């Protein structure tokens, strides 16, 4: 892409836990209201405990009632868990402007997680038939997107040092018996949320897809 045609990118890094429902509504509204000149945005954050159900999610994948709230969303995929110690990144990208399709976006998000983990000696991989990122058949990173008029929102979730009990009341991403894993399970003196935030920001700044990358701390 010619430098003059590259979009600008705003990265919002949240340092405190932020409510899922509020961020969901905000990114949905912003995507609806943005225009051809709006910069793309990437939000990096952590949520309090919450189960989120995908647009076509099946109720039977929530195996038991708990005190964790369940939020119906419009992303693809089935039910998943978010909570402290899990990095979530929301991609509000104009795919048409970038020259991407949905597959490009999914592959970019998967490869981003794979490269981040590789930096710390973790060999992760993607699967053609099951979106996300895996280590020895255990899932470490999940994906779910919504595309509206060629523009994306929602994104990825990477398990760093979260409490995995939140996944035990569901079939994660609709897969019964799928085992989840965290960075802390695989690396001694493991990198934390702030380390991965810095890595993502550096990666986006050097990606060649964007012109000016502005980082806002929230």
C-alpha atoms as a PDB file:
ATOM      1  CA  UNK A   1       0.000   0.000   0.000  1.00  0.00           C
ATOM      2  CA  UNK A   2       1.296   3.472  -0.917  1.00  0.00           C
ATOM      3  CA  UNK A   3       2.257   5.531   2.142  1.00  0.00           C
ATOM      4  CA  UNK A   4      -0.201   8.272   1.217  1.00  0.00           C
ATOM      5  CA  UNK A   5      -3.032   5.733   1.149  1.00  0.00           C
ATOM      6  CA  UNK A   6      -2.290   4.089   4.481  1.00  0.00           C
ATOM      7  CA  UNK A   7      -4.908   4.769   7.160  1.00  0.00           C
ATOM      8  CA  UNK A   8      -4.026   6.160  10.562  1.00  0.00           C
ATOM      9  CA  UNK A   9      -4.480   3.988  13.645  1.00  0.00           C
ATOM     10  CA  UNK A  10      -5.476   4.900  17.180  1.00  0.00           C
ATOM     11  CA  UNK A  11      -4.522   2.340  19.858  1.00  0.00           C
ATOM     12  CA  UNK A  12      -6.346   2.631  23.174  1.00  0.00           C
ATOM     13  CA  UNK A  13      -4.660   0.774  26.028  1.00  0.00           C
ATOM     14  CA  UNK A  14      -6.816   0.363  29.134  1.00  0.00           C
ATOM     15  CA  UNK A  15      -4.928  -0.081  32.401  1.00  0.00           C
ATOM     16  CA  UNK A  16      -7.910  -1.002  34.604  1.00  0.00           C
ATOM     17  CA  UNK A  17     -10.609  -3.614  34.112  1.00  0.00           C
ATOM     18  CA  UNK A  18     -13.339  -2.259  31.839  1.00  0.00           C
ATOM     19  CA  UNK A  19     -16.969  -3.351  31.547  1.00  0.00           C
ATOM     20  CA  UNK A  20     -17.718  -5.673  28.628  1.00  0.00           C
ATOM     21  CA  UNK A  21     -21.225  -4.420  27.890  1.00  0.00           C
ATOM     22  CA  UNK A  22     -20.078  -0.779  27.777  1.00  0.00           C
ATOM     23  CA  UNK A  23     -17.168  -1.477  25.433  1.00  0.00           C
ATOM     24  CA  UNK A  24     -19.324  -3.713  23.225  1.00  0.00           C
ATOM     25  CA  UNK A  25     -21.914  -0.994  22.768  1.00  0.00           C
ATOM     26  CA  UNK A  26     -19.245   1.665  22.235  1.00  0.00           C
ATOM     27  CA  UNK A  27     -17.407  -0.195  19.486  1.00  0.00           C
ATOM     28  CA  UNK A  28     -20.679  -1.146  17.812  1.00  0.00           C
ATOM     29  CA  UNK A  29     -21.869   2.475  17.813  1.00  0.00           C
ATOM     30  CA  UNK A  30     -18.500   3.804  16.643  1.00  0.00           C
ATOM     31  CA  UNK A  31     -18.385   1.331  13.750  1.00  0.00           C
ATOM     32  CA  UNK A  32     -21.886   2.371  12.684  1.00  0.00           C
ATOM     33  CA  UNK A  33     -21.017   6.077  12.789  1.00  0.00           C
ATOM     34  CA  UNK A  34     -17.510   6.066  11.286  1.00  0.00           C
ATOM     35  CA  UNK A  35     -16.905   7.307   7.766  1.00  0.00           C
ATOM     36  CA  UNK A  36     -14.354   6.778   4.994  1.00  0.00           C
ATOM     37  CA  UNK A  37     -11.872   9.150   6.649  1.00  0.00           C
ATOM     38  CA  UNK A  38     -12.093   7.789  10.187  1.00  0.00           C
ATOM     39  CA  UNK A  39      -8.830   6.331  11.507  1.00  0.00           C
ATOM     40  CA  UNK A  40      -8.895   2.655  12.408  1.00  0.00           C
ATOM     41  CA  UNK A  41      -8.810   1.764  16.089  1.00  0.00           C
ATOM     42  CA  UNK A  42      -7.390  -1.060  18.207  1.00  0.00           C
ATOM     43  CA  UNK A  43      -8.373  -1.364  21.864  1.00  0.00           C
ATOM     44  CA  UNK A  44      -6.266  -3.477  24.261  1.00  0.00           C
ATOM     45  CA  UNK A  45      -7.903  -4.264  27.586  1.00  0.00           C
ATOM     46  CA  UNK A  46      -9.086  -6.705  30.246  1.00  0.00           C
ATOM     47  CA  UNK A  47     -12.665  -7.324  31.360  1.00  0.00           C
ATOM     48  CA  UNK A  48     -14.179  -8.370  34.686  1.00  0.00           C
ATOM     49  CA  UNK A  49     -15.577 -11.931  34.687  1.00  0.00           C
ATOM     50  CA  UNK A  50     -18.123 -12.331  31.888  1.00  0.00           C
ATOM     51  CA  UNK A  51     -19.412 -15.000  29.516  1.00  0.00           C
ATOM     52  CA  UNK A  52     -20.142 -13.747  26.005  1.00  0.00           C
ATOM     53  CA  UNK A  53     -22.382 -15.632  23.621  1.00  0.00           C
ATOM     54  CA  UNK A  54     -21.833 -15.390  19.863  1.00  0.00           C
ATOM     55  CA  UNK A  55     -24.565 -14.381  17.431  1.00  0.00           C
ATOM     56  CA  UNK A  56     -25.421 -17.992  16.554  1.00  0.00           C
ATOM     57  CA  UNK A  57     -24.366 -19.340  19.960  1.00  0.00           C
ATOM     58  CA  UNK A  58     -26.231 -22.345  21.315  1.00  0.00           C
ATOM     59  CA  UNK A  59     -27.528 -22.253  24.876  1.00  0.00           C
ATOM     60  CA  UNK A  60     -26.486 -25.863  25.499  1.00  0.00           C
ATOM     61  CA  UNK A  61     -22.807 -24.828  25.400  1.00  0.00           C
ATOM     62  CA  UNK A  62     -23.367 -23.085  28.754  1.00  0.00           C
ATOM     63  CA  UNK A  63     -23.210 -26.193  30.915  1.00  0.00           C
ATOM     64  CA  UNK A  64     -24.280 -24.800  34.286  1.00  0.00           C
ATOM     65  CA  UNK A  65     -25.593 -21.640  35.892  1.00  0.00           C
ATOM     66  CA  UNK A  66     -22.989 -19.565  37.751  1.00  0.00           C
ATOM     67  CA  UNK A  67     -22.742 -16.039  39.127  1.00  0.00           C
ATOM     68  CA  UNK A  68     -20.817 -14.965  36.002  1.00  0.00           C
ATOM     69  CA  UNK A  69     -23.014 -12.682  33.869  1.00  0.00           C
ATOM     70  CA  UNK A  70     -23.837 -13.808  30.315  1.00  0.00           C
ATOM     71  CA  UNK A  71     -23.925 -11.161  27.563  1.00  0.00           C
ATOM     72  CA  UNK A  72     -25.421 -11.823  24.127  1.00  0.00           C
ATOM     73  CA  UNK A  73     -23.226 -10.285  21.418  1.00  0.00           C
ATOM     74  CA  UNK A  74     -23.226 -10.006  17.631  1.00  0.00           C
ATOM     75  CA  UNK A  75     -19.792 -11.531  16.980  1.00  0.00           C
ATOM     76  CA  UNK A  76     -19.251 -14.843  15.273  1.00  0.00           C
ATOM     77  CA  UNK A  77     -18.552 -18.015  17.225  1.00  0.00           C
ATOM     78  CA  UNK A  78     -20.018 -19.627  20.312  1.00  0.00           C
ATOM     79  CA  UNK A  79     -19.703 -18.878  24.014  1.00  0.00           C
ATOM     80  CA  UNK A  80     -16.417 -17.849  25.625  1.00  0.00           C
ATOM     81  CA  UNK A  81     -15.162 -16.381  28.890  1.00  0.00           C
ATOM     82  CA  UNK A  82     -13.332 -13.099  29.520  1.00  0.00           C
ATOM     83  CA  UNK A  83     -11.785 -11.956  32.764  1.00  0.00           C
ATOM     84  CA  UNK A  84      -8.753 -10.553  34.574  1.00  0.00           C
ATOM     85  CA  UNK A  85      -5.457 -11.916  33.313  1.00  0.00           C
ATOM     86  CA  UNK A  86      -6.733 -12.352  29.756  1.00  0.00           C
ATOM     87  CA  UNK A  87      -5.678  -9.810  27.136  1.00  0.00           C
ATOM     88  CA  UNK A  88      -8.481  -8.762  24.809  1.00  0.00           C
ATOM     89  CA  UNK A  89      -7.819  -6.755  21.626  1.00  0.00           C
ATOM     90  CA  UNK A  90     -10.646  -5.267  19.562  1.00  0.00           C
ATOM     91  CA  UNK A  91      -9.959  -4.550  15.872  1.00  0.00           C
ATOM     92  CA  UNK A  92     -12.027  -1.707  14.423  1.00  0.00           C
ATOM     93  CA  UNK A  93     -10.534  -1.828  10.939  1.00  0.00           C
ATOM     94  CA  UNK A  94     -11.880  -0.677   7.582  1.00  0.00           C
ATOM     95  CA  UNK A  95     -11.183  -3.886   5.660  1.00  0.00           C
ATOM     96  CA  UNK A  96     -11.971  -2.391   2.261  1.00  0.00           C
ATOM     97  CA  UNK A  97      -9.491   0.434   2.812  1.00  0.00           C
ATOM     98  CA  UNK A  98      -6.799  -2.031   3.909  1.00  0.00           C
ATOM     99  CA  UNK A  99      -7.563  -4.320   0.974  1.00  0.00           C
ATOM    100  CA  UNK A 100      -8.381  -7.171   3.380  1.00  0.00           C
ATOM    101  CA  UNK A 101     -11.149  -9.754   3.405  1.00  0.00           C
ATOM    102  CA  UNK A 102     -12.455 -11.622   6.446  1.00  0.00           C
ATOM    103  CA  UNK A 103      -9.916 -14.414   6.007  1.00  0.00           C
ATOM    104  CA  UNK A 104      -7.090 -11.847   5.936  1.00  0.00           C
ATOM    105  CA  UNK A 105      -8.327 -10.363   9.208  1.00  0.00           C
ATOM    106  CA  UNK A 106      -8.622 -13.752  10.911  1.00  0.00           C
ATOM    107  CA  UNK A 107      -5.170 -14.810   9.719  1.00  0.00           C
ATOM    108  CA  UNK A 108      -3.673 -11.498  10.837  1.00  0.00           C
ATOM    109  CA  UNK A 109      -5.113 -11.866  14.347  1.00  0.00           C
ATOM    110  CA  UNK A 110      -3.980 -15.491  14.610  1.00  0.00           C
ATOM    111  CA  UNK A 111      -0.496 -14.715  13.312  1.00  0.00           C
ATOM    112  CA  UNK A 112      -0.212 -11.754  15.671  1.00  0.00           C
ATOM    113  CA  UNK A 113      -0.769 -14.041  18.656  1.00  0.00           C
ATOM    114  CA  UNK A 114       1.555 -16.708  17.240  1.00  0.00           C
ATOM    115  CA  UNK A 115       4.384 -14.188  16.778  1.00  0.00           C
ATOM    116  CA  UNK A 116       3.849 -12.649  20.214  1.00  0.00           C
ATOM    117  CA  UNK A 117       4.069 -16.069  21.846  1.00  0.00           C
ATOM    118  CA  UNK A 118       7.080 -17.057  19.754  1.00  0.00           C
ATOM    119  CA  UNK A 119       8.990 -14.121  21.218  1.00  0.00           C
ATOM    120  CA  UNK A 120       8.726 -15.851  24.596  1.00  0.00           C
ATOM    121  CA  UNK A 121       9.617 -19.318  23.351  1.00  0.00           C
ATOM    122  CA  UNK A 122       6.069 -20.637  22.975  1.00  0.00           C
ATOM    123  CA  UNK A 123       5.408 -22.532  19.740  1.00  0.00           C
ATOM    124  CA  UNK A 124       1.741 -21.897  18.915  1.00  0.00           C
ATOM    125  CA  UNK A 125      -0.216 -22.623  15.753  1.00  0.00           C
ATOM    126  CA  UNK A 126      -3.564 -22.015  14.073  1.00  0.00           C
ATOM    127  CA  UNK A 127      -6.027 -24.594  12.745  1.00  0.00           C
ATOM    128  CA  UNK A 128      -7.884 -24.301   9.456  1.00  0.00           C
ATOM    129  CA  UNK A 129     -11.052 -25.860  10.883  1.00  0.00           C
ATOM    130  CA  UNK A 130     -11.106 -24.253  14.336  1.00  0.00           C
ATOM    131  CA  UNK A 131     -10.241 -20.532  14.526  1.00  0.00           C
ATOM    132  CA  UNK A 132      -7.880 -19.523  17.297  1.00  0.00           C
ATOM    133  CA  UNK A 133      -4.366 -20.342  18.453  1.00  0.00           C
ATOM    134  CA  UNK A 134      -3.247 -23.577  20.096  1.00  0.00           C
ATOM    135  CA  UNK A 135      -0.282 -25.067  21.944  1.00  0.00           C
ATOM    136  CA  UNK A 136      -0.116 -28.870  21.982  1.00  0.00           C
ATOM    137  CA  UNK A 137      -3.868 -29.065  21.217  1.00  0.00           C
ATOM    138  CA  UNK A 138      -4.732 -26.758  24.109  1.00  0.00           C
ATOM    139  CA  UNK A 139      -6.269 -23.407  23.214  1.00  0.00           C
ATOM    140  CA  UNK A 140      -4.430 -20.274  24.315  1.00  0.00           C
ATOM    141  CA  UNK A 141      -6.038 -17.646  22.067  1.00  0.00           C
ATOM    142  CA  UNK A 142      -9.594 -17.181  20.808  1.00  0.00           C
ATOM    143  CA  UNK A 143     -11.157 -15.127  18.003  1.00  0.00           C
ATOM    144  CA  UNK A 144     -14.541 -13.658  17.149  1.00  0.00           C
ATOM    145  CA  UNK A 145     -15.387 -10.846  14.737  1.00  0.00           C
ATOM    146  CA  UNK A 146     -18.325  -8.923  13.345  1.00  0.00           C
ATOM    147  CA  UNK A 147     -18.122  -7.269   9.920  1.00  0.00           C
ATOM    148  CA  UNK A 148     -20.477  -4.353   9.264  1.00  0.00           C
ATOM    149  CA  UNK A 149     -20.323  -2.609   5.871  1.00  0.00           C
ATOM    150  CA  UNK A 150     -16.783  -3.850   5.338  1.00  0.00           C
ATOM    151  CA  UNK A 151     -15.635  -2.728   8.792  1.00  0.00           C
ATOM    152  CA  UNK A 152     -14.697  -5.027  11.653  1.00  0.00           C
ATOM    153  CA  UNK A 153     -15.164  -4.992  15.397  1.00  0.00           C
ATOM    154  CA  UNK A 154     -14.694  -7.502  18.248  1.00  0.00           C
ATOM    155  CA  UNK A 155     -11.369  -9.347  18.102  1.00  0.00           C
ATOM    156  CA  UNK A 156      -9.079 -11.724  20.003  1.00  0.00           C
ATOM    157  CA  UNK A 157      -8.515 -12.955  23.558  1.00  0.00           C
ATOM    158  CA  UNK A 158      -5.154 -14.287  24.780  1.00  0.00           C
ATOM    159  CA  UNK A 159      -4.877 -16.202  28.068  1.00  0.00           C
ATOM    160  CA  UNK A 160      -1.950 -14.844  30.093  1.00  0.00           C
ATOM    161  CA  UNK A 161      -2.459 -15.525  33.802  1.00  0.00           C
ATOM    162  CA  UNK A 162      -6.233 -15.694  34.129  1.00  0.00           C
ATOM    163  CA  UNK A 163      -8.202 -18.070  36.344  1.00  0.00           C
ATOM    164  CA  UNK A 164      -9.329 -20.846  33.981  1.00  0.00           C
ATOM    165  CA  UNK A 165     -12.302 -21.854  36.146  1.00  0.00           C
ATOM    166  CA  UNK A 166     -14.418 -19.426  34.109  1.00  0.00           C
ATOM    167  CA  UNK A 167     -14.133 -21.825  31.175  1.00  0.00           C
ATOM    168  CA  UNK A 168     -15.279 -24.832  33.210  1.00  0.00           C
ATOM    169  CA  UNK A 169     -18.964 -23.906  33.072  1.00  0.00           C
ATOM    170  CA  UNK A 170     -19.009 -23.848  29.247  1.00  0.00           C
ATOM    171  CA  UNK A 171     -17.927 -25.702  26.142  1.00  0.00           C
ATOM    172  CA  UNK A 172     -15.312 -23.118  25.114  1.00  0.00           C
ATOM    173  CA  UNK A 173     -16.078 -21.821  21.613  1.00  0.00           C
ATOM    174  CA  UNK A 174     -18.602 -24.659  21.300  1.00  0.00           C
ATOM    175  CA  UNK A 175     -16.073 -27.506  21.662  1.00  0.00           C
ATOM    176  CA  UNK A 176     -16.866 -30.009  24.414  1.00  0.00           C
ATOM    177  CA  UNK A 177     -13.813 -30.987  26.405  1.00  0.00           C
ATOM    178  CA  UNK A 178     -11.548 -28.363  24.833  1.00  0.00           C
ATOM    179  CA  UNK A 179      -8.685 -27.712  27.231  1.00  0.00           C
ATOM    180  CA  UNK A 180      -7.493 -24.149  27.714  1.00  0.00           C
ATOM    181  CA  UNK A 181      -3.945 -23.102  28.588  1.00  0.00           C
ATOM    182  CA  UNK A 182      -2.242 -19.884  29.695  1.00  0.00           C
ATOM    183  CA  UNK A 183       1.106 -18.246  29.077  1.00  0.00           C
ATOM    184  CA  UNK A 184       1.915 -18.696  32.779  1.00  0.00           C
ATOM    185  CA  UNK A 185       1.531 -22.473  32.375  1.00  0.00           C
ATOM    186  CA  UNK A 186       4.209 -22.542  29.672  1.00  0.00           C
ATOM    187  CA  UNK A 187       6.882 -20.015  30.657  1.00  0.00           C
ATOM    188  CA  UNK A 188       8.728 -19.416  33.911  1.00  0.00           C
ATOM    189  CA  UNK A 189       8.950 -15.704  34.788  1.00  0.00           C
ATOM    190  CA  UNK A 190       6.291 -15.170  32.143  1.00  0.00           C
ATOM    191  CA  UNK A 191       5.423 -11.840  30.436  1.00  0.00           C
ATOM    192  CA  UNK A 192       2.402  -9.997  31.830  1.00  0.00           C
ATOM    193  CA  UNK A 193      -0.407  -7.914  30.337  1.00  0.00           C
ATOM    194  CA  UNK A 194       1.669  -4.728  30.063  1.00  0.00           C
ATOM    195  CA  UNK A 195       4.465  -6.612  28.261  1.00  0.00           C
ATOM    196  CA  UNK A 196       2.068  -7.947  25.655  1.00  0.00           C
ATOM    197  CA  UNK A 197       0.493  -4.506  25.223  1.00  0.00           C
ATOM    198  CA  UNK A 198       3.913  -3.056  24.409  1.00  0.00           C
ATOM    199  CA  UNK A 199       4.591  -5.926  21.995  1.00  0.00           C
ATOM    200  CA  UNK A 200       1.288  -5.398  20.153  1.00  0.00           C
ATOM    201  CA  UNK A 201       1.844  -1.647  19.873  1.00  0.00           C
ATOM    202  CA  UNK A 202       5.351  -2.168  18.482  1.00  0.00           C
ATOM    203  CA  UNK A 203       4.069  -4.757  16.006  1.00  0.00           C
ATOM    204  CA  UNK A 204       1.337  -2.449  14.700  1.00  0.00           C
ATOM    205  CA  UNK A 205       3.738   0.483  14.465  1.00  0.00           C
ATOM    206  CA  UNK A 206       6.090  -1.605  12.319  1.00  0.00           C
ATOM    207  CA  UNK A 207       3.443  -3.461  10.314  1.00  0.00           C
ATOM    208  CA  UNK A 208       3.475  -1.232   7.252  1.00  0.00           C
ATOM    209  CA  UNK A 209      -0.327  -1.189   7.141  1.00  0.00           C
ATOM    210  CA  UNK A 210      -0.750   2.138   8.920  1.00  0.00           C
ATOM    211  CA  UNK A 211       0.622   5.635   8.503  1.00  0.00           C
ATOM    212  CA  UNK A 212       0.484   7.355  11.882  1.00  0.00           C
ATOM    213  CA  UNK A 213      -0.061   5.179  14.994  1.00  0.00           C
ATOM    214  CA  UNK A 214      -1.259   7.101  18.056  1.00  0.00           C
ATOM    215  CA  UNK A 215      -1.354   5.417  21.471  1.00  0.00           C
ATOM    216  CA  UNK A 216      -3.861   6.611  24.069  1.00  0.00           C
ATOM    217  CA  UNK A 217      -3.655   5.364  27.663  1.00  0.00           C
ATOM    218  CA  UNK A 218      -7.059   5.037  29.315  1.00  0.00           C
END
